[in-house]
Amino acid sequence: AAAELPADAKVLLDRACVNYRICNNLKDS
């Protein structure tokens, strides 16, 4: 689902809590 998020999404998350793999799966844009 993280990988499927649109390229122009603005995602609120807490990097101190969300695991590395989830963030790694987000598109660079």
PDB file of all heavy atoms in Angstrom:
ATOM      1  N   ALA A   1       0.845  -1.208   0.000  1.00  0.00           N
ATOM      2  CA  ALA A   1       0.000   0.000   0.000  1.00  0.00           C
ATOM      3  C   ALA A   1       0.878   1.255   0.000  1.00  0.00           C
ATOM      4  O   ALA A   1       0.552   2.248  -0.668  1.00  0.00           O
ATOM      5  CB  ALA A   1      -0.922   0.006   1.207  1.00  0.00           C
ATOM      6  N   ALA A   2       1.985   1.213   0.735  1.00  0.00           N
ATOM      7  CA  ALA A   2       2.909   2.359   0.761  1.00  0.00           C
ATOM      8  C   ALA A   2       3.482   2.589  -0.635  1.00  0.00           C
ATOM      9  O   ALA A   2       3.582   3.733  -1.103  1.00  0.00           O
ATOM     10  CB  ALA A   2       4.028   2.112   1.765  1.00  0.00           C
ATOM     11  N   ALA A   3       3.823   1.499  -1.311  1.00  0.00           N
ATOM     12  CA  ALA A   3       4.393   1.601  -2.660  1.00  0.00           C
ATOM     13  C   ALA A   3       3.363   2.103  -3.672  1.00  0.00           C
ATOM     14  O   ALA A   3       3.726   2.711  -4.690  1.00  0.00           O
ATOM     15  CB  ALA A   3       4.942   0.235  -3.097  1.00  0.00           C
ATOM     16  N   GLU A   4       2.082   1.864  -3.392  1.00  0.00           N
ATOM     17  CA  GLU A   4       1.000   2.256  -4.324  1.00  0.00           C
ATOM     18  C   GLU A   4       0.590   3.723  -4.187  1.00  0.00           C
ATOM     19  O   GLU A   4      -0.171   4.240  -5.015  1.00  0.00           O
ATOM     20  CB  GLU A   4      -0.255   1.395  -4.058  1.00  0.00           C
ATOM     21  CG  GLU A   4      -0.116  -0.065  -4.431  1.00  0.00           C
ATOM     22  CD  GLU A   4      -1.131  -0.953  -3.684  1.00  0.00           C
ATOM     23  OE1 GLU A   4      -2.038  -0.400  -3.010  1.00  0.00           O
ATOM     24  OE2 GLU A   4      -0.997  -2.189  -3.771  1.00  0.00           O
ATOM     25  N   LEU A   5       1.047   4.423  -3.152  1.00  0.00           N
ATOM     26  CA  LEU A   5       0.608   5.810  -2.955  1.00  0.00           C
ATOM     27  C   LEU A   5       1.023   6.671  -4.144  1.00  0.00           C
ATOM     28  O   LEU A   5       2.116   6.491  -4.692  1.00  0.00           O
ATOM     29  CB  LEU A   5       1.193   6.391  -1.656  1.00  0.00           C
ATOM     30  CG  LEU A   5       0.577   5.866  -0.341  1.00  0.00           C
ATOM     31  CD1 LEU A   5       1.329   6.429   0.857  1.00  0.00           C
ATOM     32  CD2 LEU A   5      -0.904   6.210  -0.243  1.00  0.00           C
ATOM     33  N   PRO A   6       0.171   7.631  -4.555  1.00  0.00           N
ATOM     34  CA  PRO A   6       0.486   8.446  -5.734  1.00  0.00           C
ATOM     35  C   PRO A   6       1.775   9.256  -5.574  1.00  0.00           C
ATOM     36  O   PRO A   6       2.145   9.641  -4.453  1.00  0.00           O
ATOM     37  CB  PRO A   6      -0.726   9.369  -5.877  1.00  0.00           C
ATOM     38  CG  PRO A   6      -1.500   9.254  -4.608  1.00  0.00           C
ATOM     39  CD  PRO A   6      -1.148   7.949  -3.988  1.00  0.00           C
ATOM     40  N   ALA A   7       2.436   9.509  -6.693  1.00  0.00           N
ATOM     41  CA  ALA A   7       3.747  10.176  -6.704  1.00  0.00           C
ATOM     42  C   ALA A   7       3.692  11.593  -6.130  1.00  0.00           C
ATOM     43  O   ALA A   7       4.703  12.106  -5.647  1.00  0.00           O
ATOM     44  CB  ALA A   7       4.304  10.212  -8.119  1.00  0.00           C
ATOM     45  N   ASP A   8       2.502  12.231  -6.156  1.00  0.00           N
ATOM     46  CA  ASP A   8       2.406  13.606  -5.652  1.00  0.00           C
ATOM     47  C   ASP A   8       1.795  13.674  -4.249  1.00  0.00           C
ATOM     48  O   ASP A   8       1.408  14.746  -3.784  1.00  0.00           O
ATOM     49  CB  ASP A   8       1.586  14.462  -6.630  1.00  0.00           C
ATOM     50  CG  ASP A   8       0.159  13.938  -6.796  1.00  0.00           C
ATOM     51  OD1 ASP A   8      -0.118  12.800  -6.325  1.00  0.00           O
ATOM     52  OD2 ASP A   8      -0.676  14.655  -7.372  1.00  0.00           O
ATOM     53  N   ALA A   9       1.704  12.526  -3.590  1.00  0.00           N
ATOM     54  CA  ALA A   9       1.099  12.503  -2.238  1.00  0.00           C
ATOM     55  C   ALA A   9       1.942  13.299  -1.249  1.00  0.00           C
ATOM     56  O   ALA A   9       3.166  13.380  -1.368  1.00  0.00           O
ATOM     57  CB  ALA A   9       0.948  11.057  -1.763  1.00  0.00           C
ATOM     58  N   LYS A  10       1.254  13.906  -0.288  1.00  0.00           N
ATOM     59  CA  LYS A  10       1.934  14.589   0.829  1.00  0.00           C
ATOM     60  C   LYS A  10       1.592  13.785   2.080  1.00  0.00           C
ATOM     61  O   LYS A  10       0.459  13.815   2.560  1.00  0.00           O
ATOM     62  CB  LYS A  10       1.447  16.032   0.942  1.00  0.00           C
ATOM     63  CG  LYS A  10       1.897  16.896  -0.235  1.00  0.00           C
ATOM     64  CD  LYS A  10       1.442  18.339  -0.084  1.00  0.00           C
ATOM     65  CE  LYS A  10       1.958  19.213  -1.224  1.00  0.00           C
ATOM     66  NZ  LYS A  10       1.493  18.753  -2.554  1.00  0.00           N
ATOM     67  N   VAL A  11       2.588  13.058   2.586  1.00  0.00           N
ATOM     68  CA  VAL A  11       2.334  12.053   3.619  1.00  0.00           C
ATOM     69  C   VAL A  11       2.823  12.515   4.993  1.00  0.00           C
ATOM     70  O   VAL A  11       4.009  12.766   5.186  1.00  0.00           O
ATOM     71  CB  VAL A  11       3.010  10.710   3.247  1.00  0.00           C
ATOM     72  CG1 VAL A  11       2.702   9.648   4.306  1.00  0.00           C
ATOM     73  CG2 VAL A  11       2.536  10.234   1.868  1.00  0.00           C
ATOM     74  N   LEU A  12       1.893  12.600   5.934  1.00  0.00           N
ATOM     75  CA  LEU A  12       2.246  12.905   7.319  1.00  0.00           C
ATOM     76  C   LEU A  12       2.602  11.596   8.016  1.00  0.00           C
ATOM     77  O   LEU A  12       1.820  10.636   8.011  1.00  0.00           O
ATOM     78  CB  LEU A  12       1.053  13.564   8.022  1.00  0.00           C
ATOM     79  CG  LEU A  12       1.199  13.822   9.530  1.00  0.00           C
ATOM     80  CD1 LEU A  12       2.311  14.809   9.827  1.00  0.00           C
ATOM     81  CD2 LEU A  12      -0.123  14.320  10.124  1.00  0.00           C
ATOM     82  N   LEU A  13       3.787  11.538   8.582  1.00  0.00           N
ATOM     83  CA  LEU A  13       4.196  10.356   9.349  1.00  0.00           C
ATOM     84  C   LEU A  13       5.286  10.744  10.328  1.00  0.00           C
ATOM     85  O   LEU A  13       5.934  11.779  10.181  1.00  0.00           O
ATOM     86  CB  LEU A  13       4.663   9.223   8.419  1.00  0.00           C
ATOM     87  CG  LEU A  13       5.811   9.473   7.437  1.00  0.00           C
ATOM     88  CD1 LEU A  13       7.169   9.328   8.120  1.00  0.00           C
ATOM     89  CD2 LEU A  13       5.752   8.456   6.288  1.00  0.00           C
ATOM     90  N   ASP A  14       5.485   9.899  11.313  1.00  0.00           N
ATOM     91  CA  ASP A  14       6.532  10.129  12.311  1.00  0.00           C
ATOM     92  C   ASP A  14       7.683   9.168  12.025  1.00  0.00           C
ATOM     93  O   ASP A  14       7.570   7.968  12.257  1.00  0.00           O
ATOM     94  CB  ASP A  14       5.961   9.888  13.714  1.00  0.00           C
ATOM     95  CG  ASP A  14       6.969  10.199  14.809  1.00  0.00           C
ATOM     96  OD1 ASP A  14       8.131  10.530  14.474  1.00  0.00           O
ATOM     97  OD2 ASP A  14       6.604  10.108  15.998  1.00  0.00           O
ATOM     98  N   ARG A  15       8.787   9.712  11.483  1.00  0.00           N
ATOM     99  CA  ARG A  15       9.925   8.855  11.123  1.00  0.00           C
ATOM    100  C   ARG A  15      10.506   8.125  12.343  1.00  0.00           C
ATOM    101  O   ARG A  15      11.154   7.103  12.197  1.00  0.00           O
ATOM    102  CB  ARG A  15      11.039   9.688  10.470  1.00  0.00           C
ATOM    103  CG  ARG A  15      10.785  10.009   9.000  1.00  0.00           C
ATOM    104  CD  ARG A  15      12.092  10.471   8.334  1.00  0.00           C
ATOM    105  NE  ARG A  15      11.920  10.669   6.900  1.00  0.00           N
ATOM    106  CZ  ARG A  15      11.971  11.852   6.292  1.00  0.00           C
ATOM    107  NH1 ARG A  15      12.159  12.949   7.005  1.00  0.00           N
ATOM    108  NH2 ARG A  15      11.835  11.944   4.976  1.00  0.00           N
ATOM    109  N   ALA A  16      10.254   8.662  13.537  1.00  0.00           N
ATOM    110  CA  ALA A  16      10.757   8.009  14.746  1.00  0.00           C
ATOM    111  C   ALA A  16       9.906   6.804  15.133  1.00  0.00           C
ATOM    112  O   ALA A  16      10.251   6.049  16.033  1.00  0.00           O
ATOM    113  CB  ALA A  16      10.785   8.997  15.904  1.00  0.00           C
ATOM    114  N   CYS A  17       8.796   6.618  14.419  1.00  0.00           N
ATOM    115  CA  CYS A  17       7.878   5.522  14.749  1.00  0.00           C
ATOM    116  C   CYS A  17       7.653   4.583  13.557  1.00  0.00           C
ATOM    117  O   CYS A  17       7.641   3.367  13.708  1.00  0.00           O
ATOM    118  CB  CYS A  17       6.551   6.114  15.224  1.00  0.00           C
ATOM    119  SG  CYS A  17       5.406   4.890  15.846  1.00  0.00           S
ATOM    120  N   VAL A  18       7.482   5.156  12.368  1.00  0.00           N
ATOM    121  CA  VAL A  18       7.206   4.342  11.175  1.00  0.00           C
ATOM    122  C   VAL A  18       8.461   3.568  10.778  1.00  0.00           C
ATOM    123  O   VAL A  18       9.560   4.137  10.731  1.00  0.00           O
ATOM    124  CB  VAL A  18       6.722   5.232  10.006  1.00  0.00           C
ATOM    125  CG1 VAL A  18       6.567   4.432   8.723  1.00  0.00           C
ATOM    126  CG2 VAL A  18       5.395   5.897  10.377  1.00  0.00           C
ATOM    127  N   ASN A  19       8.299   2.271  10.498  1.00  0.00           N
ATOM    128  CA  ASN A  19       9.496   1.472  10.243  1.00  0.00           C
ATOM    129  C   ASN A  19      10.153   1.776   8.893  1.00  0.00           C
ATOM    130  O   ASN A  19       9.527   2.309   7.973  1.00  0.00           O
ATOM    131  CB  ASN A  19       9.228  -0.029  10.459  1.00  0.00           C
ATOM    132  CG  ASN A  19       8.378  -0.692   9.397  1.00  0.00           C
ATOM    133  OD1 ASN A  19       8.645  -0.585   8.201  1.00  0.00           O
ATOM    134  ND2 ASN A  19       7.355  -1.417   9.827  1.00  0.00           N
ATOM    135  N   TYR A  20      11.426   1.451   8.826  1.00  0.00           N
ATOM    136  CA  TYR A  20      12.281   1.806   7.683  1.00  0.00           C
ATOM    137  C   TYR A  20      11.745   1.230   6.369  1.00  0.00           C
ATOM    138  O   TYR A  20      11.790   1.896   5.332  1.00  0.00           O
ATOM    139  CB  TYR A  20      13.701   1.292   7.950  1.00  0.00           C
ATOM    140  CG  TYR A  20      14.721   1.734   6.925  1.00  0.00           C
ATOM    141  CD1 TYR A  20      15.270   3.011   6.958  1.00  0.00           C
ATOM    142  CD2 TYR A  20      15.151   0.866   5.916  1.00  0.00           C
ATOM    143  CE1 TYR A  20      16.210   3.425   6.023  1.00  0.00           C
ATOM    144  CE2 TYR A  20      16.096   1.265   4.971  1.00  0.00           C
ATOM    145  CZ  TYR A  20      16.620   2.543   5.029  1.00  0.00           C
ATOM    146  OH  TYR A  20      17.552   2.941   4.101  1.00  0.00           O
ATOM    147  N   ARG A  21      11.214   0.007   6.429  1.00  0.00           N
ATOM    148  CA  ARG A  21      10.757  -0.622   5.183  1.00  0.00           C
ATOM    149  C   ARG A  21       9.562   0.126   4.585  1.00  0.00           C
ATOM    150  O   ARG A  21       9.474   0.305   3.368  1.00  0.00           O
ATOM    151  CB  ARG A  21      10.398  -2.099   5.400  1.00  0.00           C
ATOM    152  CG  ARG A  21      10.133  -2.800   4.058  1.00  0.00           C
ATOM    153  CD  ARG A  21       9.732  -4.247   4.196  1.00  0.00           C
ATOM    154  NE  ARG A  21      10.839  -5.087   4.644  1.00  0.00           N
ATOM    155  CZ  ARG A  21      10.751  -6.408   4.773  1.00  0.00           C
ATOM    156  NH1 ARG A  21       9.598  -7.016   4.516  1.00  0.00           N
ATOM    157  NH2 ARG A  21      11.784  -7.110   5.177  1.00  0.00           N
ATOM    158  N   ILE A  22       8.647   0.577   5.438  1.00  0.00           N
ATOM    159  CA  ILE A  22       7.480   1.320   4.919  1.00  0.00           C
ATOM    160  C   ILE A  22       7.957   2.560   4.186  1.00  0.00           C
ATOM    161  O   ILE A  22       7.564   2.826   3.041  1.00  0.00           O
ATOM    162  CB  ILE A  22       6.501   1.687   6.060  1.00  0.00           C
ATOM    163  CG1 ILE A  22       5.775   0.433   6.557  1.00  0.00           C
ATOM    164  CG2 ILE A  22       5.480   2.743   5.599  1.00  0.00           C
ATOM    165  CD1 ILE A  22       4.841   0.672   7.732  1.00  0.00           C
ATOM    166  N   CYS A  23       8.818   3.357   4.822  1.00  0.00           N
ATOM    167  CA  CYS A  23       9.289   4.603   4.203  1.00  0.00           C
ATOM    168  C   CYS A  23      10.131   4.322   2.963  1.00  0.00           C
ATOM    169  O   CYS A  23      10.071   5.069   1.984  1.00  0.00           O
ATOM    170  CB  CYS A  23      10.086   5.429   5.209  1.00  0.00           C
ATOM    171  SG  CYS A  23       8.995   6.371   6.280  1.00  0.00           S
ATOM    172  N   ASN A  24      10.870   3.247   2.995  1.00  0.00           N
ATOM    173  CA  ASN A  24      11.709   2.863   1.858  1.00  0.00           C
ATOM    174  C   ASN A  24      10.867   2.505   0.638  1.00  0.00           C
ATOM    175  O   ASN A  24      11.323   2.593  -0.494  1.00  0.00           O
ATOM    176  CB  ASN A  24      12.579   1.658   2.266  1.00  0.00           C
ATOM    177  CG  ASN A  24      13.995   1.798   1.757  1.00  0.00           C
ATOM    178  OD1 ASN A  24      14.452   2.899   1.447  1.00  0.00           O
ATOM    179  ND2 ASN A  24      14.696   0.695   1.652  1.00  0.00           N
ATOM    180  N   ASN A  25       9.618   2.076   0.890  1.00  0.00           N
ATOM    181  CA  ASN A  25       8.714   1.678  -0.203  1.00  0.00           C
ATOM    182  C   ASN A  25       7.990   2.869  -0.832  1.00  0.00           C
ATOM    183  O   ASN A  25       7.349   2.724  -1.872  1.00  0.00           O
ATOM    184  CB  ASN A  25       7.680   0.671   0.309  1.00  0.00           C
ATOM    185  CG  ASN A  25       8.245  -0.744   0.402  1.00  0.00           C
ATOM    186  OD1 ASN A  25       9.456  -0.937   0.260  1.00  0.00           O
ATOM    187  ND2 ASN A  25       7.401  -1.727   0.624  1.00  0.00           N
ATOM    188  N   LEU A  26       8.073   4.051  -0.197  1.00  0.00           N
ATOM    189  CA  LEU A  26       7.412   5.238  -0.762  1.00  0.00           C
ATOM    190  C   LEU A  26       8.194   5.737  -1.979  1.00  0.00           C
ATOM    191  O   LEU A  26       9.422   5.679  -2.003  1.00  0.00           O
ATOM    192  CB  LEU A  26       7.348   6.359   0.284  1.00  0.00           C
ATOM    193  CG  LEU A  26       6.505   6.097   1.541  1.00  0.00           C
ATOM    194  CD1 LEU A  26       6.692   7.222   2.547  1.00  0.00           C
ATOM    195  CD2 LEU A  26       5.032   5.926   1.199  1.00  0.00           C
ATOM    196  N   LYS A  27       7.472   6.230  -2.981  1.00  0.00           N
ATOM    197  CA  LYS A  27       8.134   6.797  -4.175  1.00  0.00           C
ATOM    198  C   LYS A  27       8.988   8.009  -3.762  1.00  0.00           C
ATOM    199  O   LYS A  27       8.604   8.767  -2.864  1.00  0.00           O
ATOM    200  CB  LYS A  27       7.083   7.230  -5.202  1.00  0.00           C
ATOM    201  CG  LYS A  27       6.266   6.074  -5.777  1.00  0.00           C
ATOM    202  CD  LYS A  27       5.209   6.585  -6.762  1.00  0.00           C
ATOM    203  CE  LYS A  27       4.397   5.432  -7.339  1.00  0.00           C
ATOM    204  NZ  LYS A  27       3.390   4.893  -6.387  1.00  0.00           N
ATOM    205  N   ASP A  28      10.106   8.182  -4.427  1.00  0.00           N
ATOM    206  CA  ASP A  28      11.033   9.278  -4.094  1.00  0.00           C
ATOM    207  C   ASP A  28      10.390  10.651  -4.221  1.00  0.00           C
ATOM    208  O   ASP A  28      10.766  11.593  -3.519  1.00  0.00           O
ATOM    209  CB  ASP A  28      12.281   9.223  -4.995  1.00  0.00           C
ATOM    210  CG  ASP A  28      13.159   8.022  -4.657  1.00  0.00           C
ATOM    211  OD1 ASP A  28      12.976   7.460  -3.555  1.00  0.00           O
ATOM    212  OD2 ASP A  28      13.999   7.632  -5.486  1.00  0.00           O
ATOM    213  N   SER A  29       9.408  10.775  -5.129  1.00  0.00           N
ATOM    214  CA  SER A  29       8.804  12.094  -5.374  1.00  0.00           C
ATOM    215  C   SER A  29       7.788  12.501  -4.309  1.00  0.00           C
ATOM    216  O   SER A  29       7.343  13.649  -4.256  1.00  0.00           O
ATOM    217  CB  SER A  29       8.107  12.079  -6.735  1.00  0.00           C
ATOM    218  OG  SER A  29       7.104  11.058  -6.729  1.00  0.00           O
TER     219      SER A  29
END
